[in-house]
Amino acid sequence: MPATASSVLASPVLAYPVLVVAGFRRYSAYRAATAAGALANTVFGAIKAAVLTGTVAAAGGSVAGYGIAQAATFAWVSQALLAPLSVFADDHLARRVRTGDIAVDLARPVDPQLAAWAEDLGRAAFQLLPRGLPPLLVGALSTGLALPGEPGGHLLGLLSLVLGVSISFALRWAVGLTAFWLVDVRGILLLYTVCATVLTGLAVPVAWFPPWLAALAAATPFPSVLQAPADVFTGVVTGPAALGVVAVQLAWLAGLVLLGRVLLAAGSRRLVVQGG
């Protein structure tokens, strides 16, 4: 693509849409892994739906505003969004920092954080259908899905999803950059996985938490990753409450992006690469 390459060189801003497409195409190559992931998400969605609806039924038909239909829908939607949101962190960025390959990213004519963000949006866009649609289809056929009928709710849910993907990226970016100061990041990755599993609402909805744990979750950006888009999509929050959820997501995103830029700037000053 000579025209595209020359355009990108002339204006680095044009590189970011290209990187979104590159992220989409990169993950579309792993078809067997995508199919296996979709199957796993669907199976766990069925288990989660059974557990959550059983809990609601045992509690008399309602738990913290969730009826049986809402609980089942949350189970299927949360499993459908698990892969696009990439709830769990990996060590990809940390390995680039540890090996010094991050120096290549810093030398490129694009902002490293924005470039990685663009590629991650492409990854999420691909995984939304092949990883997200099967659990929703099985949920619709088995338990049914309680989704808002008005178009405005779907559009706001899509915005909340994009923000959730971006917040997840910003969190994973910050965790990866700790490799500038830590010899081994496996411990912090494990801690992040535990926090993400619980505080995002992946295990059970955050609204079901005991008060002390709900307050702890609210003081972190984790609920804005999964719980927020799931609540907007399922109609658990609507109107001004849904707009408030999106506003909280925007605030967390702004703070985390700023944190990532500070960490990258500080870490870059510590970076020593052989040869200069």
C-alpha atoms as a PDB file:
ATOM      1  CA  MET A   1       0.000   0.000   0.000  1.00  0.00           C
ATOM      2  CA  PRO A   2       2.434   2.731  -1.174  1.00  0.00           C
ATOM      3  CA  ALA A   3      -0.139   5.516  -1.024  1.00  0.00           C
ATOM      4  CA  THR A   4      -1.108   4.683   2.517  1.00  0.00           C
ATOM      5  CA  ALA A   5       2.509   4.375   3.648  1.00  0.00           C
ATOM      6  CA  SER A   6       3.489   7.731   2.138  1.00  0.00           C
ATOM      7  CA  SER A   7       0.430   9.390   3.679  1.00  0.00           C
ATOM      8  CA  VAL A   8       1.320   8.030   7.093  1.00  0.00           C
ATOM      9  CA  LEU A   9       4.880   9.294   6.754  1.00  0.00           C
ATOM     10  CA  ALA A  10       3.601  12.717   5.706  1.00  0.00           C
ATOM     11  CA  SER A  11       1.169  12.942   8.622  1.00  0.00           C
ATOM     12  CA  PRO A  12       1.684  10.628  11.640  1.00  0.00           C
ATOM     13  CA  VAL A  13      -1.891  11.370  12.731  1.00  0.00           C
ATOM     14  CA  LEU A  14      -3.082   9.212   9.832  1.00  0.00           C
ATOM     15  CA  ALA A  15      -1.219   6.258  11.324  1.00  0.00           C
ATOM     16  CA  TYR A  16      -3.745   5.763  14.106  1.00  0.00           C
ATOM     17  CA  PRO A  17      -6.699   4.680  11.892  1.00  0.00           C
ATOM     18  CA  VAL A  18      -4.263   2.388  10.057  1.00  0.00           C
ATOM     19  CA  LEU A  19      -3.238   0.876  13.395  1.00  0.00           C
ATOM     20  CA  VAL A  20      -6.888   0.263  14.310  1.00  0.00           C
ATOM     21  CA  VAL A  21      -7.275  -1.702  11.075  1.00  0.00           C
ATOM     22  CA  ALA A  22      -3.977  -3.497  11.733  1.00  0.00           C
ATOM     23  CA  GLY A  23      -5.183  -4.568  15.182  1.00  0.00           C
ATOM     24  CA  PHE A  24      -8.409  -5.882  13.652  1.00  0.00           C
ATOM     25  CA  ARG A  25      -6.565  -7.835  10.951  1.00  0.00           C
ATOM     26  CA  ARG A  26      -3.953  -9.193  13.346  1.00  0.00           C
ATOM     27  CA  TYR A  27      -6.493 -10.850  15.620  1.00  0.00           C
ATOM     28  CA  SER A  28      -8.676 -12.028  12.736  1.00  0.00           C
ATOM     29  CA  ALA A  29      -5.832 -14.391  11.804  1.00  0.00           C
ATOM     30  CA  TYR A  30      -6.310 -16.493  14.965  1.00  0.00           C
ATOM     31  CA  ARG A  31      -9.538 -18.202  13.909  1.00  0.00           C
ATOM     32  CA  ALA A  32      -9.120 -21.458  15.837  1.00  0.00           C
ATOM     33  CA  ALA A  33      -8.290 -19.594  19.056  1.00  0.00           C
ATOM     34  CA  THR A  34     -11.273 -17.303  18.480  1.00  0.00           C
ATOM     35  CA  ALA A  35     -13.626 -20.257  18.036  1.00  0.00           C
ATOM     36  CA  ALA A  36     -12.278 -21.964  21.161  1.00  0.00           C
ATOM     37  CA  GLY A  37     -12.640 -18.742  23.129  1.00  0.00           C
ATOM     38  CA  ALA A  38     -16.228 -18.300  21.951  1.00  0.00           C
ATOM     39  CA  LEU A  39     -17.065 -21.836  23.078  1.00  0.00           C
ATOM     40  CA  ALA A  40     -15.473 -21.273  26.489  1.00  0.00           C
ATOM     41  CA  ASN A  41     -17.288 -17.961  26.964  1.00  0.00           C
ATOM     42  CA  THR A  42     -20.601 -19.609  26.065  1.00  0.00           C
ATOM     43  CA  VAL A  43     -20.113 -22.525  28.451  1.00  0.00           C
ATOM     44  CA  PHE A  44     -19.130 -20.251  31.322  1.00  0.00           C
ATOM     45  CA  GLY A  45     -22.043 -17.985  30.431  1.00  0.00           C
ATOM     46  CA  ALA A  46     -24.446 -20.893  30.903  1.00  0.00           C
ATOM     47  CA  ILE A  47     -22.884 -21.730  34.276  1.00  0.00           C
ATOM     48  CA  LYS A  48     -22.963 -18.105  35.397  1.00  0.00           C
ATOM     49  CA  ALA A  49     -26.565 -17.638  34.255  1.00  0.00           C
ATOM     50  CA  ALA A  50     -27.626 -20.707  36.246  1.00  0.00           C
ATOM     51  CA  VAL A  51     -25.823 -19.484  39.380  1.00  0.00           C
ATOM     52  CA  LEU A  52     -27.091 -15.903  39.215  1.00  0.00           C
ATOM     53  CA  THR A  53     -30.703 -16.778  38.383  1.00  0.00           C
ATOM     54  CA  GLY A  54     -30.687 -19.421  41.109  1.00  0.00           C
ATOM     55  CA  THR A  55     -29.462 -16.808  43.594  1.00  0.00           C
ATOM     56  CA  VAL A  56     -32.197 -14.365  42.590  1.00  0.00           C
ATOM     57  CA  ALA A  57     -34.868 -17.061  42.789  1.00  0.00           C
ATOM     58  CA  ALA A  58     -33.677 -18.103  46.251  1.00  0.00           C
ATOM     59  CA  ALA A  59     -33.776 -14.461  47.379  1.00  0.00           C
ATOM     60  CA  GLY A  60     -37.431 -14.108  46.419  1.00  0.00           C
ATOM     61  CA  GLY A  61     -37.146 -12.877  42.831  1.00  0.00           C
ATOM     62  CA  SER A  62     -35.026  -9.740  43.200  1.00  0.00           C
ATOM     63  CA  VAL A  63     -31.496  -8.878  44.339  1.00  0.00           C
ATOM     64  CA  ALA A  64     -30.329  -5.252  44.304  1.00  0.00           C
ATOM     65  CA  GLY A  65     -32.638  -4.379  41.417  1.00  0.00           C
ATOM     66  CA  TYR A  66     -31.871  -7.508  39.397  1.00  0.00           C
ATOM     67  CA  GLY A  67     -34.780  -9.782  38.594  1.00  0.00           C
ATOM     68  CA  ILE A  68     -34.312 -13.239  37.140  1.00  0.00           C
ATOM     69  CA  ALA A  69     -34.354 -11.918  33.562  1.00  0.00           C
ATOM     70  CA  GLN A  70     -31.853  -9.165  34.372  1.00  0.00           C
ATOM     71  CA  ALA A  71     -29.532 -11.585  36.190  1.00  0.00           C
ATOM     72  CA  ALA A  72     -29.521 -14.011  33.258  1.00  0.00           C
ATOM     73  CA  THR A  73     -28.953 -11.194  30.789  1.00  0.00           C
ATOM     74  CA  PHE A  74     -26.072  -9.839  32.857  1.00  0.00           C
ATOM     75  CA  ALA A  75     -24.451 -13.279  32.870  1.00  0.00           C
ATOM     76  CA  TRP A  76     -24.604 -13.608  29.085  1.00  0.00           C
ATOM     77  CA  VAL A  77     -23.645 -10.001  28.342  1.00  0.00           C
ATOM     78  CA  SER A  78     -20.680 -10.035  30.727  1.00  0.00           C
ATOM     79  CA  GLN A  79     -19.359 -13.203  29.084  1.00  0.00           C
ATOM     80  CA  ALA A  80     -19.933 -11.721  25.631  1.00  0.00           C
ATOM     81  CA  LEU A  81     -17.946  -8.601  26.548  1.00  0.00           C
ATOM     82  CA  LEU A  82     -15.135 -10.413  28.373  1.00  0.00           C
ATOM     83  CA  ALA A  83     -12.877 -10.822  25.316  1.00  0.00           C
ATOM     84  CA  PRO A  84     -13.506  -7.424  23.668  1.00  0.00           C
ATOM     85  CA  LEU A  85     -12.844  -5.697  26.990  1.00  0.00           C
ATOM     86  CA  SER A  86      -9.734  -7.830  27.649  1.00  0.00           C
ATOM     87  CA  VAL A  87     -10.410  -7.771  31.377  1.00  0.00           C
ATOM     88  CA  PHE A  88      -7.194  -9.600  32.296  1.00  0.00           C
ATOM     89  CA  ALA A  89      -3.704  -8.153  31.839  1.00  0.00           C
ATOM     90  CA  ASP A  90      -0.813  -9.821  30.017  1.00  0.00           C
ATOM     91  CA  ASP A  91       2.948  -9.236  30.064  1.00  0.00           C
ATOM     92  CA  HIS A  92       3.352  -8.123  26.418  1.00  0.00           C
ATOM     93  CA  LEU A  93       4.279  -4.517  27.223  1.00  0.00           C
ATOM     94  CA  ALA A  94       6.332  -5.550  30.254  1.00  0.00           C
ATOM     95  CA  ARG A  95       8.408  -7.889  28.072  1.00  0.00           C
ATOM     96  CA  ARG A  96       9.079  -5.081  25.593  1.00  0.00           C
ATOM     97  CA  VAL A  97      10.267  -2.900  28.456  1.00  0.00           C
ATOM     98  CA  ARG A  98      12.425  -5.674  29.937  1.00  0.00           C
ATOM     99  CA  THR A  99      14.089  -6.535  26.607  1.00  0.00           C
ATOM    100  CA  GLY A 100      14.546  -2.910  25.573  1.00  0.00           C
ATOM    101  CA  ASP A 101      12.250  -3.266  22.540  1.00  0.00           C
ATOM    102  CA  ILE A 102      10.244  -0.346  23.928  1.00  0.00           C
ATOM    103  CA  ALA A 103      13.054   1.849  22.544  1.00  0.00           C
ATOM    104  CA  VAL A 104      11.804   1.025  19.031  1.00  0.00           C
ATOM    105  CA  ASP A 105       8.324   2.242  19.991  1.00  0.00           C
ATOM    106  CA  LEU A 106       9.768   5.455  21.412  1.00  0.00           C
ATOM    107  CA  ALA A 107      11.716   6.091  18.206  1.00  0.00           C
ATOM    108  CA  ARG A 108       8.684   5.821  15.940  1.00  0.00           C
ATOM    109  CA  PRO A 109       7.003   9.013  14.633  1.00  0.00           C
ATOM    110  CA  VAL A 110       3.794   8.227  16.524  1.00  0.00           C
ATOM    111  CA  ASP A 111       2.897   8.459  20.186  1.00  0.00           C
ATOM    112  CA  PRO A 112       3.514   4.994  21.736  1.00  0.00           C
ATOM    113  CA  GLN A 113       0.493   5.151  24.023  1.00  0.00           C
ATOM    114  CA  LEU A 114      -1.910   6.346  21.328  1.00  0.00           C
ATOM    115  CA  ALA A 115      -0.544   3.804  18.845  1.00  0.00           C
ATOM    116  CA  ALA A 116      -1.048   0.924  21.288  1.00  0.00           C
ATOM    117  CA  TRP A 117      -4.513   2.261  22.156  1.00  0.00           C
ATOM    118  CA  ALA A 118      -5.496   2.367  18.478  1.00  0.00           C
ATOM    119  CA  GLU A 119      -4.331  -1.210  17.933  1.00  0.00           C
ATOM    120  CA  ASP A 120      -6.243  -2.358  21.000  1.00  0.00           C
ATOM    121  CA  LEU A 121      -9.447  -0.756  19.695  1.00  0.00           C
ATOM    122  CA  GLY A 122      -8.977  -2.756  16.484  1.00  0.00           C
ATOM    123  CA  ARG A 123      -8.511  -5.935  18.519  1.00  0.00           C
ATOM    124  CA  ALA A 124     -11.709  -5.261  20.451  1.00  0.00           C
ATOM    125  CA  ALA A 125     -13.657  -4.472  17.275  1.00  0.00           C
ATOM    126  CA  PHE A 126     -12.773  -7.852  15.796  1.00  0.00           C
ATOM    127  CA  GLN A 127     -13.508  -9.859  18.928  1.00  0.00           C
ATOM    128  CA  LEU A 128     -16.887  -8.236  19.489  1.00  0.00           C
ATOM    129  CA  LEU A 129     -18.736 -10.433  16.969  1.00  0.00           C
ATOM    130  CA  PRO A 130     -17.015 -13.861  16.893  1.00  0.00           C
ATOM    131  CA  ARG A 131     -16.383 -13.900  20.650  1.00  0.00           C
ATOM    132  CA  GLY A 132     -19.412 -11.895  21.773  1.00  0.00           C
ATOM    133  CA  LEU A 133     -22.245 -13.039  19.526  1.00  0.00           C
ATOM    134  CA  PRO A 134     -22.300 -16.802  20.357  1.00  0.00           C
ATOM    135  CA  PRO A 135     -22.978 -16.306  24.111  1.00  0.00           C
ATOM    136  CA  LEU A 136     -25.731 -13.806  23.302  1.00  0.00           C
ATOM    137  CA  LEU A 137     -27.371 -16.161  20.800  1.00  0.00           C
ATOM    138  CA  VAL A 138     -27.303 -19.072  23.246  1.00  0.00           C
ATOM    139  CA  GLY A 139     -28.619 -16.790  25.980  1.00  0.00           C
ATOM    140  CA  ALA A 140     -31.461 -15.553  23.782  1.00  0.00           C
ATOM    141  CA  LEU A 141     -32.464 -19.146  22.958  1.00  0.00           C
ATOM    142  CA  SER A 142     -32.099 -20.563  26.477  1.00  0.00           C
ATOM    143  CA  THR A 143     -33.013 -17.986  29.105  1.00  0.00           C
ATOM    144  CA  GLY A 144     -33.965 -15.003  26.968  1.00  0.00           C
ATOM    145  CA  LEU A 145     -32.338 -11.572  27.067  1.00  0.00           C
ATOM    146  CA  ALA A 146     -33.821  -8.479  28.714  1.00  0.00           C
ATOM    147  CA  LEU A 147     -32.348  -5.687  26.585  1.00  0.00           C
ATOM    148  CA  PRO A 148     -33.569  -2.087  26.205  1.00  0.00           C
ATOM    149  CA  GLY A 149     -35.764  -1.626  23.144  1.00  0.00           C
ATOM    150  CA  GLU A 150     -35.085   2.032  22.387  1.00  0.00           C
ATOM    151  CA  PRO A 151     -32.223   2.891  19.991  1.00  0.00           C
ATOM    152  CA  GLY A 152     -30.862   5.494  22.411  1.00  0.00           C
ATOM    153  CA  GLY A 153     -30.108   2.794  24.963  1.00  0.00           C
ATOM    154  CA  HIS A 154     -28.129   0.775  22.418  1.00  0.00           C
ATOM    155  CA  LEU A 155     -26.146   3.804  21.256  1.00  0.00           C
ATOM    156  CA  LEU A 156     -25.291   4.750  24.827  1.00  0.00           C
ATOM    157  CA  GLY A 157     -24.363   1.130  25.494  1.00  0.00           C
ATOM    158  CA  LEU A 158     -21.995   1.198  22.518  1.00  0.00           C
ATOM    159  CA  LEU A 159     -20.367   4.381  23.821  1.00  0.00           C
ATOM    160  CA  SER A 160     -20.021   2.813  27.258  1.00  0.00           C
ATOM    161  CA  LEU A 161     -18.438  -0.265  25.672  1.00  0.00           C
ATOM    162  CA  VAL A 162     -15.843   1.824  23.792  1.00  0.00           C
ATOM    163  CA  LEU A 163     -15.035   3.612  27.040  1.00  0.00           C
ATOM    164  CA  GLY A 164     -14.775   0.274  28.858  1.00  0.00           C
ATOM    165  CA  VAL A 165     -12.310  -1.028  26.253  1.00  0.00           C
ATOM    166  CA  SER A 166     -10.283   2.181  26.538  1.00  0.00           C
ATOM    167  CA  ILE A 167     -10.216   2.098  30.350  1.00  0.00           C
ATOM    168  CA  SER A 168      -9.127  -1.540  30.264  1.00  0.00           C
ATOM    169  CA  PHE A 169      -6.322  -0.616  27.878  1.00  0.00           C
ATOM    170  CA  ALA A 170      -5.222   2.305  30.056  1.00  0.00           C
ATOM    171  CA  LEU A 171      -5.103   0.050  33.125  1.00  0.00           C
ATOM    172  CA  ARG A 172      -3.139  -2.668  31.318  1.00  0.00           C
ATOM    173  CA  TRP A 173      -0.787  -0.047  29.868  1.00  0.00           C
ATOM    174  CA  ALA A 174      -0.028   1.316  33.338  1.00  0.00           C
ATOM    175  CA  VAL A 175       0.520  -2.178  34.734  1.00  0.00           C
ATOM    176  CA  GLY A 176       2.897  -3.044  31.889  1.00  0.00           C
ATOM    177  CA  LEU A 177       4.958   0.093  32.433  1.00  0.00           C
ATOM    178  CA  THR A 178       5.745  -0.942  36.012  1.00  0.00           C
ATOM    179  CA  ALA A 179       8.417  -3.158  34.391  1.00  0.00           C
ATOM    180  CA  PHE A 180      10.585  -0.030  34.236  1.00  0.00           C
ATOM    181  CA  TRP A 181      10.941  -0.299  38.018  1.00  0.00           C
ATOM    182  CA  LEU A 182      10.201  -3.962  38.816  1.00  0.00           C
ATOM    183  CA  VAL A 183      12.483  -6.878  38.007  1.00  0.00           C
ATOM    184  CA  ASP A 184       9.542  -9.285  37.730  1.00  0.00           C
ATOM    185  CA  VAL A 185       5.949  -8.167  37.069  1.00  0.00           C
ATOM    186  CA  ARG A 186       4.313 -11.571  37.624  1.00  0.00           C
ATOM    187  CA  GLY A 187       3.230 -10.609  41.121  1.00  0.00           C
ATOM    188  CA  ILE A 188       1.514  -7.398  40.046  1.00  0.00           C
ATOM    189  CA  LEU A 189      -0.102  -9.201  37.102  1.00  0.00           C
ATOM    190  CA  LEU A 190      -1.533 -11.789  39.496  1.00  0.00           C
ATOM    191  CA  LEU A 191      -2.805  -9.058  41.816  1.00  0.00           C
ATOM    192  CA  TYR A 192      -4.351  -7.255  38.856  1.00  0.00           C
ATOM    193  CA  THR A 193      -6.101 -10.448  37.717  1.00  0.00           C
ATOM    194  CA  VAL A 194      -7.604 -11.007  41.174  1.00  0.00           C
ATOM    195  CA  CYS A 195      -8.796  -7.406  41.411  1.00  0.00           C
ATOM    196  CA  ALA A 196     -10.204  -7.453  37.879  1.00  0.00           C
ATOM    197  CA  THR A 197     -12.055 -10.732  38.438  1.00  0.00           C
ATOM    198  CA  VAL A 198     -13.815  -9.382  41.519  1.00  0.00           C
ATOM    199  CA  LEU A 199     -14.094  -5.610  41.174  1.00  0.00           C
ATOM    200  CA  THR A 200     -15.157  -5.432  37.511  1.00  0.00           C
ATOM    201  CA  GLY A 201     -18.288  -7.422  38.337  1.00  0.00           C
ATOM    202  CA  LEU A 202     -17.121 -10.403  36.303  1.00  0.00           C
ATOM    203  CA  ALA A 203     -17.883 -12.872  39.094  1.00  0.00           C
ATOM    204  CA  VAL A 204     -21.099 -11.268  40.390  1.00  0.00           C
ATOM    205  CA  PRO A 205     -22.635  -7.821  39.789  1.00  0.00           C
ATOM    206  CA  VAL A 206     -21.017  -5.071  41.850  1.00  0.00           C
ATOM    207  CA  ALA A 207     -24.473  -4.133  43.165  1.00  0.00           C
ATOM    208  CA  TRP A 208     -24.550  -7.488  44.967  1.00  0.00           C
ATOM    209  CA  PHE A 209     -21.385  -6.739  46.930  1.00  0.00           C
ATOM    210  CA  PRO A 210     -21.519  -6.127  50.689  1.00  0.00           C
ATOM    211  CA  PRO A 211     -21.346  -2.364  51.436  1.00  0.00           C
ATOM    212  CA  TRP A 212     -17.636  -2.312  52.310  1.00  0.00           C
ATOM    213  CA  LEU A 213     -16.638  -4.148  49.118  1.00  0.00           C
ATOM    214  CA  ALA A 214     -18.978  -2.039  46.983  1.00  0.00           C
ATOM    215  CA  ALA A 215     -17.364   1.111  48.406  1.00  0.00           C
ATOM    216  CA  LEU A 216     -13.909  -0.316  47.649  1.00  0.00           C
ATOM    217  CA  ALA A 217     -14.940  -1.147  44.075  1.00  0.00           C
ATOM    218  CA  ALA A 218     -16.416   2.335  43.554  1.00  0.00           C
ATOM    219  CA  ALA A 219     -13.069   3.859  44.527  1.00  0.00           C
ATOM    220  CA  THR A 220     -11.365   2.030  41.629  1.00  0.00           C
ATOM    221  CA  PRO A 221     -11.811   2.172  37.846  1.00  0.00           C
ATOM    222  CA  PHE A 222     -12.559  -1.563  37.614  1.00  0.00           C
ATOM    223  CA  PRO A 223     -16.390  -1.328  37.605  1.00  0.00           C
ATOM    224  CA  SER A 224     -16.126   1.086  34.663  1.00  0.00           C
ATOM    225  CA  VAL A 225     -14.484  -1.668  32.606  1.00  0.00           C
ATOM    226  CA  LEU A 226     -17.236  -4.316  32.624  1.00  0.00           C
ATOM    227  CA  GLN A 227     -20.018  -3.517  35.073  1.00  0.00           C
ATOM    228  CA  ALA A 228     -20.765  -0.108  33.530  1.00  0.00           C
ATOM    229  CA  PRO A 229     -21.260  -1.208  29.893  1.00  0.00           C
ATOM    230  CA  ALA A 230     -23.130  -4.325  31.029  1.00  0.00           C
ATOM    231  CA  ASP A 231     -25.547  -2.231  33.112  1.00  0.00           C
ATOM    232  CA  VAL A 232     -26.148   0.207  30.262  1.00  0.00           C
ATOM    233  CA  PHE A 233     -26.622  -2.565  27.704  1.00  0.00           C
ATOM    234  CA  THR A 234     -29.046  -4.518  29.885  1.00  0.00           C
ATOM    235  CA  GLY A 235     -31.041  -1.437  30.903  1.00  0.00           C
ATOM    236  CA  VAL A 236     -30.282  -1.846  34.614  1.00  0.00           C
ATOM    237  CA  VAL A 237     -29.417   1.865  34.504  1.00  0.00           C
ATOM    238  CA  THR A 238     -31.296   4.187  32.149  1.00  0.00           C
ATOM    239  CA  GLY A 239     -31.804   7.896  31.543  1.00  0.00           C
ATOM    240  CA  PRO A 240     -29.827  10.264  33.788  1.00  0.00           C
ATOM    241  CA  ALA A 241     -28.388   7.333  35.752  1.00  0.00           C
ATOM    242  CA  ALA A 242     -26.915   5.859  32.562  1.00  0.00           C
ATOM    243  CA  LEU A 243     -25.465   9.238  31.586  1.00  0.00           C
ATOM    244  CA  GLY A 244     -23.912   9.424  35.051  1.00  0.00           C
ATOM    245  CA  VAL A 245     -22.293   6.007  34.541  1.00  0.00           C
ATOM    246  CA  VAL A 246     -20.786   7.175  31.239  1.00  0.00           C
ATOM    247  CA  ALA A 247     -19.564  10.398  32.880  1.00  0.00           C
ATOM    248  CA  VAL A 248     -17.756   8.363  35.546  1.00  0.00           C
ATOM    249  CA  GLN A 249     -16.158   6.277  32.793  1.00  0.00           C
ATOM    250  CA  LEU A 250     -14.952   9.419  31.022  1.00  0.00           C
ATOM    251  CA  ALA A 251     -13.426  10.737  34.247  1.00  0.00           C
ATOM    252  CA  TRP A 252     -11.576   7.480  34.932  1.00  0.00           C
ATOM    253  CA  LEU A 253     -10.341   7.305  31.343  1.00  0.00           C
ATOM    254  CA  ALA A 254      -8.921  10.825  31.464  1.00  0.00           C
ATOM    255  CA  GLY A 255      -7.125  10.116  34.744  1.00  0.00           C
ATOM    256  CA  LEU A 256      -5.713   6.773  33.615  1.00  0.00           C
ATOM    257  CA  VAL A 257      -4.475   8.105  30.274  1.00  0.00           C
ATOM    258  CA  LEU A 258      -2.691  10.894  32.138  1.00  0.00           C
ATOM    259  CA  LEU A 259      -1.206   8.347  34.552  1.00  0.00           C
ATOM    260  CA  GLY A 260       0.046   6.278  31.614  1.00  0.00           C
ATOM    261  CA  ARG A 261       1.739   9.307  30.064  1.00  0.00           C
ATOM    262  CA  VAL A 262       3.439  10.180  33.349  1.00  0.00           C
ATOM    263  CA  LEU A 263       4.667   6.602  33.819  1.00  0.00           C
ATOM    264  CA  LEU A 264       5.960   6.417  30.243  1.00  0.00           C
ATOM    265  CA  ALA A 265       7.812   9.721  30.566  1.00  0.00           C
ATOM    266  CA  ALA A 266       9.347   8.719  33.904  1.00  0.00           C
ATOM    267  CA  GLY A 267      10.231   5.235  32.671  1.00  0.00           C
ATOM    268  CA  SER A 268      11.801   6.525  29.466  1.00  0.00           C
ATOM    269  CA  ARG A 269      14.305   8.489  31.520  1.00  0.00           C
ATOM    270  CA  ARG A 270      15.387   5.236  33.176  1.00  0.00           C
ATOM    271  CA  LEU A 271      15.713   3.336  29.904  1.00  0.00           C
ATOM    272  CA  VAL A 272      19.246   2.382  28.886  1.00  0.00           C
ATOM    273  CA  VAL A 273      19.722   0.641  25.530  1.00  0.00           C
ATOM    274  CA  GLN A 274      23.070  -0.767  24.387  1.00  0.00           C
ATOM    275  CA  GLY A 275      24.592   1.479  21.715  1.00  0.00           C
ATOM    276  CA  GLY A 276      23.148   4.772  22.959  1.00  0.00           C
END
